[in-house]
Amino acid sequence: MAFGEKLKSLRLSKGLGVNQLALKSGVSASQISRFEKGERKDPTLDTVKKLSKALGVSISYFEDGHQSTPDLIAARIDEDASEEEVEEILKFIDYINNRDHN
């Protein structure tokens, strides 16, 4: 199930309207509507965090079971991570990949 479908299903199950969720989450009603209609497919991690908190679920609720490993890793990296922190993570991934292939 796509992000927008999960969002709409969960929102409705909680008995919330789009405007109510917008007020509760800090994500605009128009943005929520675009996600639900499939007009926007890739929310930022910050947006997912806000919606998850407002709906009372973990961010993993919105993970797509078909995401690639790099996408899952990227989703776990905080948007506020410094360039140095991201570089460290990438170096560690390279280390793991090279270690496993030697």
PDB file of N, CA and C in Angstrom:
ATOM      1  N   MET A   1       0.846  -1.175   0.000  1.00  0.00           N
ATOM      2  CA  MET A   1       0.000   0.000   0.000  1.00  0.00           C
ATOM      3  C   MET A   1       0.895   1.244   0.000  1.00  0.00           C
ATOM      4  N   ALA A   2       0.568   2.211  -0.822  1.00  0.00           N
ATOM      5  CA  ALA A   2       1.353   3.435  -0.949  1.00  0.00           C
ATOM      6  C   ALA A   2       1.178   4.336   0.274  1.00  0.00           C
ATOM      7  N   PHE A   3       2.107   5.258   0.438  1.00  0.00           N
ATOM      8  CA  PHE A   3       2.077   6.173   1.578  1.00  0.00           C
ATOM      9  C   PHE A   3       0.725   6.871   1.703  1.00  0.00           C
ATOM     10  N   GLY A   4       0.248   7.450   0.615  1.00  0.00           N
ATOM     11  CA  GLY A   4      -1.011   8.192   0.647  1.00  0.00           C
ATOM     12  C   GLY A   4      -2.203   7.333   1.037  1.00  0.00           C
ATOM     13  N   GLU A   5      -2.217   6.099   0.550  1.00  0.00           N
ATOM     14  CA  GLU A   5      -3.307   5.183   0.902  1.00  0.00           C
ATOM     15  C   GLU A   5      -3.274   4.853   2.388  1.00  0.00           C
ATOM     16  N   LYS A   6      -2.071   4.595   2.903  1.00  0.00           N
ATOM     17  CA  LYS A   6      -1.933   4.300   4.333  1.00  0.00           C
ATOM     18  C   LYS A   6      -2.350   5.505   5.165  1.00  0.00           C
ATOM     19  N   LEU A   7      -1.931   6.687   4.716  1.00  0.00           N
ATOM     20  CA  LEU A   7      -2.260   7.906   5.440  1.00  0.00           C
ATOM     21  C   LEU A   7      -3.771   8.099   5.516  1.00  0.00           C
ATOM     22  N   LYS A   8      -4.438   7.983   4.381  1.00  0.00           N
ATOM     23  CA  LYS A   8      -5.887   8.193   4.348  1.00  0.00           C
ATOM     24  C   LYS A   8      -6.620   7.149   5.188  1.00  0.00           C
ATOM     25  N   SER A   9      -6.222   5.894   5.045  1.00  0.00           N
ATOM     26  CA  SER A   9      -6.853   4.817   5.796  1.00  0.00           C
ATOM     27  C   SER A   9      -6.716   5.043   7.301  1.00  0.00           C
ATOM     28  N   LEU A  10      -5.520   5.397   7.734  1.00  0.00           N
ATOM     29  CA  LEU A  10      -5.283   5.625   9.159  1.00  0.00           C
ATOM     30  C   LEU A  10      -6.037   6.863   9.641  1.00  0.00           C
ATOM     31  N   ARG A  11      -6.004   7.922   8.847  1.00  0.00           N
ATOM     32  CA  ARG A  11      -6.716   9.150   9.222  1.00  0.00           C
ATOM     33  C   ARG A  11      -8.205   8.874   9.422  1.00  0.00           C
ATOM     34  N   LEU A  12      -8.793   8.149   8.468  1.00  0.00           N
ATOM     35  CA  LEU A  12     -10.220   7.831   8.560  1.00  0.00           C
ATOM     36  C   LEU A  12     -10.518   6.923   9.749  1.00  0.00           C
ATOM     37  N   SER A  13      -9.621   5.967  10.004  1.00  0.00           N
ATOM     38  CA  SER A  13      -9.843   5.054  11.135  1.00  0.00           C
ATOM     39  C   SER A  13      -9.788   5.793  12.471  1.00  0.00           C
ATOM     40  N   LYS A  14      -9.081   6.917  12.494  1.00  0.00           N
ATOM     41  CA  LYS A  14      -8.997   7.739  13.710  1.00  0.00           C
ATOM     42  C   LYS A  14     -10.132   8.757  13.774  1.00  0.00           C
ATOM     43  N   GLY A  15     -10.964   8.778  12.723  1.00  0.00           N
ATOM     44  CA  GLY A  15     -12.098   9.697  12.705  1.00  0.00           C
ATOM     45  C   GLY A  15     -11.715  11.146  12.495  1.00  0.00           C
ATOM     46  N   LEU A  16     -10.604  11.369  11.805  1.00  0.00           N
ATOM     47  CA  LEU A  16     -10.123  12.729  11.587  1.00  0.00           C
ATOM     48  C   LEU A  16     -10.382  13.187  10.161  1.00  0.00           C
ATOM     49  N   GLY A  17     -10.742  14.447  10.016  1.00  0.00           N
ATOM     50  CA  GLY A  17     -10.817  15.060   8.704  1.00  0.00           C
ATOM     51  C   GLY A  17      -9.437  15.555   8.309  1.00  0.00           C
ATOM     52  N   VAL A  18      -9.274  15.913   7.054  1.00  0.00           N
ATOM     53  CA  VAL A  18      -7.981  16.417   6.581  1.00  0.00           C
ATOM     54  C   VAL A  18      -7.578  17.666   7.367  1.00  0.00           C
ATOM     55  N   ASN A  19      -8.516  18.584   7.560  1.00  0.00           N
ATOM     56  CA  ASN A  19      -8.201  19.820   8.292  1.00  0.00           C
ATOM     57  C   ASN A  19      -7.837  19.547   9.745  1.00  0.00           C
ATOM     58  N   GLN A  20      -8.501  18.580  10.355  1.00  0.00           N
ATOM     59  CA  GLN A  20      -8.179  18.224  11.742  1.00  0.00           C
ATOM     60  C   GLN A  20      -6.760  17.670  11.838  1.00  0.00           C
ATOM     61  N   LEU A  21      -6.409  16.787  10.906  1.00  0.00           N
ATOM     62  CA  LEU A  21      -5.059  16.223  10.909  1.00  0.00           C
ATOM     63  C   LEU A  21      -4.028  17.312  10.647  1.00  0.00           C
ATOM     64  N   ALA A  22      -4.352  18.240   9.773  1.00  0.00           N
ATOM     65  CA  ALA A  22      -3.436  19.342   9.486  1.00  0.00           C
ATOM     66  C   ALA A  22      -3.156  20.154  10.749  1.00  0.00           C
ATOM     67  N   LEU A  23      -4.198  20.484  11.480  1.00  0.00           N
ATOM     68  CA  LEU A  23      -4.022  21.246  12.721  1.00  0.00           C
ATOM     69  C   LEU A  23      -3.224  20.465  13.752  1.00  0.00           C
ATOM     70  N   LYS A  24      -3.502  19.187  13.846  1.00  0.00           N
ATOM     71  CA  LYS A  24      -2.856  18.329  14.841  1.00  0.00           C
ATOM     72  C   LYS A  24      -1.381  18.067  14.511  1.00  0.00           C
ATOM     73  N   SER A  25      -1.058  18.006  13.215  1.00  0.00           N
ATOM     74  CA  SER A  25       0.294  17.621  12.797  1.00  0.00           C
ATOM     75  C   SER A  25       1.192  18.790  12.404  1.00  0.00           C
ATOM     76  N   GLY A  26       0.592  19.881  11.978  1.00  0.00           N
ATOM     77  CA  GLY A  26       1.406  20.984  11.465  1.00  0.00           C
ATOM     78  C   GLY A  26       1.747  20.829   9.994  1.00  0.00           C
ATOM     79  N   VAL A  27       1.182  19.818   9.350  1.00  0.00           N
ATOM     80  CA  VAL A  27       1.350  19.602   7.908  1.00  0.00           C
ATOM     81  C   VAL A  27       0.110  20.195   7.245  1.00  0.00           C
ATOM     82  N   SER A  28       0.295  20.965   6.183  1.00  0.00           N
ATOM     83  CA  SER A  28      -0.851  21.651   5.580  1.00  0.00           C
ATOM     84  C   SER A  28      -1.889  20.666   5.040  1.00  0.00           C
ATOM     85  N   ALA A  29      -3.146  21.096   5.081  1.00  0.00           N
ATOM     86  CA  ALA A  29      -4.246  20.265   4.576  1.00  0.00           C
ATOM     87  C   ALA A  29      -4.061  19.970   3.095  1.00  0.00           C
ATOM     88  N   SER A  30      -3.574  20.947   2.332  1.00  0.00           N
ATOM     89  CA  SER A  30      -3.380  20.714   0.895  1.00  0.00           C
ATOM     90  C   SER A  30      -2.298  19.668   0.651  1.00  0.00           C
ATOM     91  N   GLN A  31      -1.257  19.683   1.465  1.00  0.00           N
ATOM     92  CA  GLN A  31      -0.196  18.683   1.319  1.00  0.00           C
ATOM     93  C   GLN A  31      -0.727  17.294   1.674  1.00  0.00           C
ATOM     94  N   ILE A  32      -1.481  17.190   2.744  1.00  0.00           N
ATOM     95  CA  ILE A  32      -2.072  15.903   3.134  1.00  0.00           C
ATOM     96  C   ILE A  32      -2.966  15.392   2.015  1.00  0.00           C
ATOM     97  N   SER A  33      -3.780  16.268   1.470  1.00  0.00           N
ATOM     98  CA  SER A  33      -4.686  15.896   0.383  1.00  0.00           C
ATOM     99  C   SER A  33      -3.917  15.399  -0.840  1.00  0.00           C
ATOM    100  N   ARG A  34      -2.823  16.076  -1.176  1.00  0.00           N
ATOM    101  CA  ARG A  34      -2.008  15.643  -2.333  1.00  0.00           C
ATOM    102  C   ARG A  34      -1.387  14.273  -2.085  1.00  0.00           C
ATOM    103  N   PHE A  35      -0.944  14.012  -0.857  1.00  0.00           N
ATOM    104  CA  PHE A  35      -0.412  12.683  -0.538  1.00  0.00           C
ATOM    105  C   PHE A  35      -1.501  11.631  -0.710  1.00  0.00           C
ATOM    106  N   GLU A  36      -2.670  11.910  -0.166  1.00  0.00           N
ATOM    107  CA  GLU A  36      -3.760  10.931  -0.208  1.00  0.00           C
ATOM    108  C   GLU A  36      -4.247  10.659  -1.627  1.00  0.00           C
ATOM    109  N   LYS A  37      -4.182  11.656  -2.488  1.00  0.00           N
ATOM    110  CA  LYS A  37      -4.609  11.492  -3.883  1.00  0.00           C
ATOM    111  C   LYS A  37      -3.506  10.908  -4.762  1.00  0.00           C
ATOM    112  N   GLY A  38      -2.318  10.747  -4.190  1.00  0.00           N
ATOM    113  CA  GLY A  38      -1.200  10.204  -4.954  1.00  0.00           C
ATOM    114  C   GLY A  38      -0.506  11.236  -5.820  1.00  0.00           C
ATOM    115  N   GLU A  39      -0.831  12.513  -5.633  1.00  0.00           N
ATOM    116  CA  GLU A  39      -0.201  13.576  -6.411  1.00  0.00           C
ATOM    117  C   GLU A  39       1.212  13.860  -5.923  1.00  0.00           C
ATOM    118  N   ARG A  40       1.478  13.561  -4.666  1.00  0.00           N
ATOM    119  CA  ARG A  40       2.824  13.625  -4.081  1.00  0.00           C
ATOM    120  C   ARG A  40       3.088  12.273  -3.459  1.00  0.00           C
ATOM    121  N   LYS A  41       4.235  11.712  -3.760  1.00  0.00           N
ATOM    122  CA  LYS A  41       4.509  10.350  -3.301  1.00  0.00           C
ATOM    123  C   LYS A  41       5.647  10.243  -2.294  1.00  0.00           C
ATOM    124  N   ASP A  42       6.523  11.226  -2.240  1.00  0.00           N
ATOM    125  CA  ASP A  42       7.710  11.115  -1.404  1.00  0.00           C
ATOM    126  C   ASP A  42       7.760  12.189  -0.325  1.00  0.00           C
ATOM    127  N   PRO A  43       7.144  11.929   0.816  1.00  0.00           N
ATOM    128  CA  PRO A  43       7.188  12.916   1.900  1.00  0.00           C
ATOM    129  C   PRO A  43       8.579  12.980   2.511  1.00  0.00           C
ATOM    130  N   THR A  44       8.912  14.115   3.082  1.00  0.00           N
ATOM    131  CA  THR A  44      10.182  14.222   3.794  1.00  0.00           C
ATOM    132  C   THR A  44      10.068  13.446   5.104  1.00  0.00           C
ATOM    133  N   LEU A  45      11.201  13.125   5.668  1.00  0.00           N
ATOM    134  CA  LEU A  45      11.208  12.417   6.947  1.00  0.00           C
ATOM    135  C   LEU A  45      10.521  13.262   8.017  1.00  0.00           C
ATOM    136  N   ASP A  46      10.739  14.571   7.974  1.00  0.00           N
ATOM    137  CA  ASP A  46      10.104  15.462   8.940  1.00  0.00           C
ATOM    138  C   ASP A  46       8.579  15.392   8.834  1.00  0.00           C
ATOM    139  N   THR A  47       8.065  15.360   7.604  1.00  0.00           N
ATOM    140  CA  THR A  47       6.617  15.265   7.390  1.00  0.00           C
ATOM    141  C   THR A  47       6.081  13.948   7.932  1.00  0.00           C
ATOM    142  N   VAL A  48       6.789  12.858   7.663  1.00  0.00           N
ATOM    143  CA  VAL A  48       6.357  11.546   8.160  1.00  0.00           C
ATOM    144  C   VAL A  48       6.358  11.536   9.685  1.00  0.00           C
ATOM    145  N   LYS A  49       7.374  12.141  10.284  1.00  0.00           N
ATOM    146  CA  LYS A  49       7.433  12.201  11.751  1.00  0.00           C
ATOM    147  C   LYS A  49       6.239  12.963  12.315  1.00  0.00           C
ATOM    148  N   LYS A  50       5.920  14.108  11.709  1.00  0.00           N
ATOM    149  CA  LYS A  50       4.796  14.919  12.193  1.00  0.00           C
ATOM    150  C   LYS A  50       3.476  14.167  12.071  1.00  0.00           C
ATOM    151  N   LEU A  51       3.262  13.545  10.919  1.00  0.00           N
ATOM    152  CA  LEU A  51       2.014  12.806  10.704  1.00  0.00           C
ATOM    153  C   LEU A  51       1.930  11.593  11.627  1.00  0.00           C
ATOM    154  N   SER A  52       3.043  10.891  11.786  1.00  0.00           N
ATOM    155  CA  SER A  52       3.073   9.720  12.667  1.00  0.00           C
ATOM    156  C   SER A  52       2.720  10.095  14.096  1.00  0.00           C
ATOM    157  N   LYS A  53       3.327  11.172  14.575  1.00  0.00           N
ATOM    158  CA  LYS A  53       3.063  11.624  15.944  1.00  0.00           C
ATOM    159  C   LYS A  53       1.594  12.011  16.109  1.00  0.00           C
ATOM    160  N   ALA A  54       1.064  12.752  15.142  1.00  0.00           N
ATOM    161  CA  ALA A  54      -0.335  13.196  15.220  1.00  0.00           C
ATOM    162  C   ALA A  54      -1.309  12.025  15.175  1.00  0.00           C
ATOM    163  N   LEU A  55      -0.925  10.964  14.472  1.00  0.00           N
ATOM    164  CA  LEU A  55      -1.809   9.802  14.318  1.00  0.00           C
ATOM    165  C   LEU A  55      -1.526   8.696  15.336  1.00  0.00           C
ATOM    166  N   GLY A  56      -0.495   8.886  16.146  1.00  0.00           N
ATOM    167  CA  GLY A  56      -0.195   7.921  17.201  1.00  0.00           C
ATOM    168  C   GLY A  56       0.408   6.617  16.720  1.00  0.00           C
ATOM    169  N   VAL A  57       1.210   6.682  15.652  1.00  0.00           N
ATOM    170  CA  VAL A  57       1.889   5.488  15.141  1.00  0.00           C
ATOM    171  C   VAL A  57       3.374   5.793  14.985  1.00  0.00           C
ATOM    172  N   SER A  58       4.176   4.754  14.868  1.00  0.00           N
ATOM    173  CA  SER A  58       5.600   4.961  14.614  1.00  0.00           C
ATOM    174  C   SER A  58       5.792   5.246  13.129  1.00  0.00           C
ATOM    175  N   ILE A  59       6.931   5.837  12.785  1.00  0.00           N
ATOM    176  CA  ILE A  59       7.171   6.134  11.370  1.00  0.00           C
ATOM    177  C   ILE A  59       7.263   4.857  10.544  1.00  0.00           C
ATOM    178  N   SER A  60       7.592   3.754  11.182  1.00  0.00           N
ATOM    179  CA  SER A  60       7.691   2.491  10.446  1.00  0.00           C
ATOM    180  C   SER A  60       6.340   2.047   9.893  1.00  0.00           C
ATOM    181  N   TYR A  61       5.246   2.560  10.447  1.00  0.00           N
ATOM    182  CA  TYR A  61       3.911   2.235   9.929  1.00  0.00           C
ATOM    183  C   TYR A  61       3.812   2.597   8.450  1.00  0.00           C
ATOM    184  N   PHE A  62       4.476   3.682   8.068  1.00  0.00           N
ATOM    185  CA  PHE A  62       4.371   4.173   6.697  1.00  0.00           C
ATOM    186  C   PHE A  62       5.399   3.565   5.750  1.00  0.00           C
ATOM    187  N   GLU A  63       6.305   2.745   6.268  1.00  0.00           N
ATOM    188  CA  GLU A  63       7.310   2.148   5.395  1.00  0.00           C
ATOM    189  C   GLU A  63       6.663   1.211   4.398  1.00  0.00           C
ATOM    190  N   ASP A  64       7.159   1.285   3.185  1.00  0.00           N
ATOM    191  CA  ASP A  64       6.680   0.420   2.111  1.00  0.00           C
ATOM    192  C   ASP A  64       7.513  -0.850   2.147  1.00  0.00           C
ATOM    193  N   GLY A  65       6.876  -1.973   2.219  1.00  0.00           N
ATOM    194  CA  GLY A  65       7.586  -3.246   2.260  1.00  0.00           C
ATOM    195  C   GLY A  65       8.435  -3.502   1.036  1.00  0.00           C
ATOM    196  N   HIS A  66       8.242  -2.695  -0.002  1.00  0.00           N
ATOM    197  CA  HIS A  66       8.989  -2.890  -1.241  1.00  0.00           C
ATOM    198  C   HIS A  66      10.116  -1.881  -1.406  1.00  0.00           C
ATOM    199  N   GLN A  67      10.425  -1.121  -0.367  1.00  0.00           N
ATOM    200  CA  GLN A  67      11.509  -0.161  -0.469  1.00  0.00           C
ATOM    201  C   GLN A  67      12.835  -0.891  -0.564  1.00  0.00           C
ATOM    202  N   SER A  68      13.749  -0.287  -1.302  1.00  0.00           N
ATOM    203  CA  SER A  68      15.081  -0.866  -1.407  1.00  0.00           C
ATOM    204  C   SER A  68      15.844  -0.574  -0.118  1.00  0.00           C
ATOM    205  N   THR A  69      16.880  -1.332   0.114  1.00  0.00           N
ATOM    206  CA  THR A  69      17.686  -1.125   1.313  1.00  0.00           C
ATOM    207  C   THR A  69      18.245   0.290   1.385  1.00  0.00           C
ATOM    208  N   PRO A  70      18.804   0.836   0.284  1.00  0.00           N
ATOM    209  CA  PRO A  70      19.292   2.220   0.375  1.00  0.00           C
ATOM    210  C   PRO A  70      18.192   3.214   0.749  1.00  0.00           C
ATOM    211  N   ASP A  71      16.981   3.011   0.247  1.00  0.00           N
ATOM    212  CA  ASP A  71      15.875   3.902   0.599  1.00  0.00           C
ATOM    213  C   ASP A  71      15.531   3.781   2.076  1.00  0.00           C
ATOM    214  N   LEU A  72      15.560   2.568   2.604  1.00  0.00           N
ATOM    215  CA  LEU A  72      15.273   2.377   4.024  1.00  0.00           C
ATOM    216  C   LEU A  72      16.340   3.038   4.885  1.00  0.00           C
ATOM    217  N   ILE A  73      17.596   2.907   4.468  1.00  0.00           N
ATOM    218  CA  ILE A  73      18.688   3.541   5.211  1.00  0.00           C
ATOM    219  C   ILE A  73      18.532   5.049   5.162  1.00  0.00           C
ATOM    220  N   ALA A  74      18.260   5.582   3.984  1.00  0.00           N
ATOM    221  CA  ALA A  74      18.102   7.030   3.833  1.00  0.00           C
ATOM    222  C   ALA A  74      16.951   7.545   4.686  1.00  0.00           C
ATOM    223  N   ALA A  75      15.894   6.783   4.794  1.00  0.00           N
ATOM    224  CA  ALA A  75      14.738   7.208   5.585  1.00  0.00           C
ATOM    225  C   ALA A  75      15.060   7.262   7.070  1.00  0.00           C
ATOM    226  N   ARG A  76      16.056   6.523   7.490  1.00  0.00           N
ATOM    227  CA  ARG A  76      16.427   6.483   8.905  1.00  0.00           C
ATOM    228  C   ARG A  76      17.411   7.589   9.284  1.00  0.00           C
ATOM    229  N   ILE A  77      18.032   8.223   8.295  1.00  0.00           N
ATOM    230  CA  ILE A  77      18.994   9.280   8.579  1.00  0.00           C
ATOM    231  C   ILE A  77      18.229  10.567   8.820  1.00  0.00           C
ATOM    232  N   ASP A  78      18.426  11.143   9.958  1.00  0.00           N
ATOM    233  CA  ASP A  78      17.742  12.382  10.316  1.00  0.00           C
ATOM    234  C   ASP A  78      18.111  13.477   9.332  1.00  0.00           C
ATOM    235  N   GLU A  79      17.118  14.253   8.901  1.00  0.00           N
ATOM    236  CA  GLU A  79      17.366  15.340   7.959  1.00  0.00           C
ATOM    237  C   GLU A  79      18.324  16.373   8.525  1.00  0.00           C
ATOM    238  N   ASP A  80      18.456  16.421   9.832  1.00  0.00           N
ATOM    239  CA  ASP A  80      19.336  17.392  10.463  1.00  0.00           C
ATOM    240  C   ASP A  80      20.765  16.877  10.619  1.00  0.00           C
ATOM    241  N   ALA A  81      21.046  15.697  10.089  1.00  0.00           N
ATOM    242  CA  ALA A  81      22.394  15.140  10.198  1.00  0.00           C
ATOM    243  C   ALA A  81      23.368  16.036   9.443  1.00  0.00           C
ATOM    244  N   SER A  82      24.530  16.241  10.025  1.00  0.00           N
ATOM    245  CA  SER A  82      25.544  17.069   9.372  1.00  0.00           C
ATOM    246  C   SER A  82      26.158  16.300   8.206  1.00  0.00           C
ATOM    247  N   GLU A  83      26.841  17.030   7.338  1.00  0.00           N
ATOM    248  CA  GLU A  83      27.515  16.383   6.213  1.00  0.00           C
ATOM    249  C   GLU A  83      28.543  15.378   6.711  1.00  0.00           C
ATOM    250  N   GLU A  84      29.208  15.715   7.813  1.00  0.00           N
ATOM    251  CA  GLU A  84      30.219  14.818   8.374  1.00  0.00           C
ATOM    252  C   GLU A  84      29.582  13.511   8.854  1.00  0.00           C
ATOM    253  N   GLU A  85      28.423  13.619   9.478  1.00  0.00           N
ATOM    254  CA  GLU A  85      27.730  12.420   9.958  1.00  0.00           C
ATOM    255  C   GLU A  85      27.278  11.544   8.793  1.00  0.00           C
ATOM    256  N   VAL A  86      26.749  12.166   7.759  1.00  0.00           N
ATOM    257  CA  VAL A  86      26.331  11.413   6.577  1.00  0.00           C
ATOM    258  C   VAL A  86      27.544  10.748   5.935  1.00  0.00           C
ATOM    259  N   GLU A  87      28.658  11.467   5.853  1.00  0.00           N
ATOM    260  CA  GLU A  87      29.886  10.909   5.276  1.00  0.00           C
ATOM    261  C   GLU A  87      30.368   9.709   6.089  1.00  0.00           C
ATOM    262  N   GLU A  88      30.288   9.793   7.408  1.00  0.00           N
ATOM    263  CA  GLU A  88      30.669   8.667   8.268  1.00  0.00           C
ATOM    264  C   GLU A  88      29.802   7.449   7.993  1.00  0.00           C
ATOM    265  N   ILE A  89      28.521   7.676   7.852  1.00  0.00           N
ATOM    266  CA  ILE A  89      27.584   6.583   7.569  1.00  0.00           C
ATOM    267  C   ILE A  89      27.920   5.938   6.233  1.00  0.00           C
ATOM    268  N   LEU A  90      28.174   6.755   5.222  1.00  0.00           N
ATOM    269  CA  LEU A  90      28.508   6.224   3.896  1.00  0.00           C
ATOM    270  C   LEU A  90      29.815   5.435   3.924  1.00  0.00           C
ATOM    271  N   LYS A  91      30.795   5.922   4.666  1.00  0.00           N
ATOM    272  CA  LYS A  91      32.065   5.196   4.791  1.00  0.00           C
ATOM    273  C   LYS A  91      31.847   3.846   5.475  1.00  0.00           C
ATOM    274  N   PHE A  92      31.001   3.829   6.488  1.00  0.00           N
ATOM    275  CA  PHE A  92      30.720   2.580   7.185  1.00  0.00           C
ATOM    276  C   PHE A  92      30.025   1.589   6.258  1.00  0.00           C
ATOM    277  N   ILE A  93      29.097   2.072   5.453  1.00  0.00           N
ATOM    278  CA  ILE A  93      28.414   1.205   4.491  1.00  0.00           C
ATOM    279  C   ILE A  93      29.420   0.636   3.500  1.00  0.00           C
ATOM    280  N   ASP A  94      30.329   1.482   3.002  1.00  0.00           N
ATOM    281  CA  ASP A  94      31.375   1.001   2.088  1.00  0.00           C
ATOM    282  C   ASP A  94      32.231  -0.061   2.766  1.00  0.00           C
ATOM    283  N   TYR A  95      32.587   0.183   4.028  1.00  0.00           N
ATOM    284  CA  TYR A  95      33.386  -0.778   4.780  1.00  0.00           C
ATOM    285  C   TYR A  95      32.673  -2.129   4.859  1.00  0.00           C
ATOM    286  N   ILE A  96      31.407  -2.107   5.199  1.00  0.00           N
ATOM    287  CA  ILE A  96      30.624  -3.347   5.312  1.00  0.00           C
ATOM    288  C   ILE A  96      30.557  -4.055   3.964  1.00  0.00           C
ATOM    289  N   ASN A  97      30.274  -3.295   2.905  1.00  0.00           N
ATOM    290  CA  ASN A  97      30.185  -3.895   1.568  1.00  0.00           C
ATOM    291  C   ASN A  97      31.505  -4.517   1.144  1.00  0.00           C
ATOM    292  N   ASN A  98      32.608  -3.834   1.390  1.00  0.00           N
ATOM    293  CA  ASN A  98      33.921  -4.355   1.001  1.00  0.00           C
ATOM    294  C   ASN A  98      34.327  -5.539   1.863  1.00  0.00           C
ATOM    295  N   ARG A  99      34.018  -5.489   3.139  1.00  0.00           N
ATOM    296  CA  ARG A  99      34.351  -6.581   4.050  1.00  0.00           C
ATOM    297  C   ARG A  99      33.640  -7.863   3.628  1.00  0.00           C
ATOM    298  N   ASP A 100      32.385  -7.733   3.235  1.00  0.00           N
ATOM    299  CA  ASP A 100      31.596  -8.901   2.862  1.00  0.00           C
ATOM    300  C   ASP A 100      32.007  -9.500   1.528  1.00  0.00           C
ATOM    301  N   HIS A 101      32.671  -8.714   0.695  1.00  0.00           N
ATOM    302  CA  HIS A 101      33.063  -9.201  -0.628  1.00  0.00           C
ATOM    303  C   HIS A 101      34.520  -9.649  -0.693  1.00  0.00           C
ATOM    304  N   ASN A 102      35.226  -9.589   0.412  1.00  0.00           N
ATOM    305  CA  ASN A 102      36.637 -10.018   0.424  1.00  0.00           C
ATOM    306  C   ASN A 102      36.797 -11.356   1.080  1.00  0.00           C
TER     307      ASN A 102
END
